[in-house]
Amino acid sequence: MRNDRIATFIRESRKAAGLTQEEFAMRSGLGLRFVHDLEQGKETVRLDKVNQALAMFGMEAVPGRIERKAEDKQL
């Protein structure tokens, strides 16, 4: 799931930068609750805010191919 990949990227990048969720929220201009939801892979987050978070690491969400599980490919 794409949200899991973004969540993992944000969480790992934030930790590598030595930032707590609160520090990251303050520096990125996002709310702490949003940062928490984003890192938990919540499916209903706003794309503009996702891009605001990703911009902290020089990234943005762009269209990409959906990675399907092996069992889904057989259908």
Protein backbone atom coordinates (compact mmCIF):
# COMPACT_ATOMS: atom_id res chain seq x y z
CA MET A 1 0.00 0.00 0.00
CA ARG A 2 1.38 3.40 -0.99
CA ASN A 3 0.38 5.04 2.32
CA ASP A 4 2.56 2.54 4.17
CA ARG A 5 5.55 3.42 1.98
CA ILE A 6 5.06 7.14 2.58
CA ALA A 7 4.52 6.57 6.30
CA THR A 8 7.70 4.53 6.56
CA PHE A 9 9.69 7.08 4.55
CA ILE A 10 8.52 10.01 6.70
CA ARG A 11 9.06 8.16 10.00
CA GLU A 12 12.53 6.89 9.07
CA SER A 13 13.63 10.22 7.57
CA ARG A 14 12.37 12.15 10.58
CA LYS A 15 14.21 9.86 12.97
CA ALA A 16 17.39 10.00 10.85
CA ALA A 17 17.21 13.79 11.09
CA GLY A 18 17.01 13.44 14.89
CA LEU A 19 13.56 15.02 15.11
CA THR A 20 10.68 14.08 17.36
CA GLN A 21 7.21 14.12 15.85
CA GLU A 22 6.56 17.41 17.64
CA GLU A 23 9.76 19.00 16.31
CA PHE A 24 8.99 17.77 12.80
CA ALA A 25 5.45 19.14 13.01
CA MET A 26 6.70 22.55 14.12
CA ARG A 27 9.44 22.77 11.46
CA SER A 28 7.18 21.61 8.63
CA GLY A 29 4.24 23.78 9.66
CA LEU A 30 1.99 20.76 10.14
CA GLY A 31 -0.07 19.74 13.12
CA LEU A 32 1.22 17.07 15.48
CA ARG A 33 -1.93 14.99 14.98
CA PHE A 34 -1.43 15.06 11.20
CA VAL A 35 2.18 13.93 11.54
CA HIS A 36 1.09 11.09 13.82
CA ASP A 37 -1.70 10.03 11.42
CA LEU A 38 0.66 10.23 8.45
CA GLU A 39 3.29 8.05 10.12
CA GLN A 40 0.59 5.53 11.04
CA GLY A 41 -0.40 5.21 7.37
CA LYS A 42 -3.87 6.72 7.72
CA GLU A 43 -5.55 6.41 4.34
CA THR A 44 -7.49 9.68 4.41
CA VAL A 45 -4.78 12.33 4.64
CA ARG A 46 -4.68 15.44 2.46
CA LEU A 47 -2.22 15.23 -0.42
CA ASP A 48 -1.15 18.86 -0.07
CA LYS A 49 -0.14 18.20 3.53
CA VAL A 50 1.60 14.95 2.56
CA ASN A 51 3.64 16.95 0.06
CA GLN A 52 4.36 19.57 2.72
CA ALA A 53 5.81 16.81 4.92
CA LEU A 54 7.74 15.20 2.05
CA ALA A 55 9.19 18.59 1.05
CA MET A 56 11.16 18.58 4.30
CA PHE A 57 13.26 15.83 2.70
CA GLY A 58 13.29 17.19 -0.85
CA MET A 59 10.56 14.81 -2.03
CA GLU A 60 6.98 14.98 -3.30
CA ALA A 61 4.22 12.47 -3.99
CA VAL A 62 3.94 11.74 -7.71
CA PRO A 63 1.98 9.23 -9.77
CA GLY A 64 3.51 5.78 -9.83
CA ARG A 65 2.64 2.22 -10.67
CA ILE A 66 0.66 0.30 -8.10
CA GLU A 67 2.60 -2.58 -6.63
CA ARG A 68 0.32 -5.59 -6.57
CA LYS A 69 0.66 -8.62 -4.35
CA ALA A 70 1.39 -11.92 -6.10
CA GLU A 71 -2.09 -13.28 -5.35
CA ASP A 72 -3.68 -10.13 -6.89
CA LYS A 73 -1.69 -10.61 -10.11
CA GLN A 74 -3.25 -14.03 -10.67
CA LEU A 75 -6.78 -12.60 -10.89
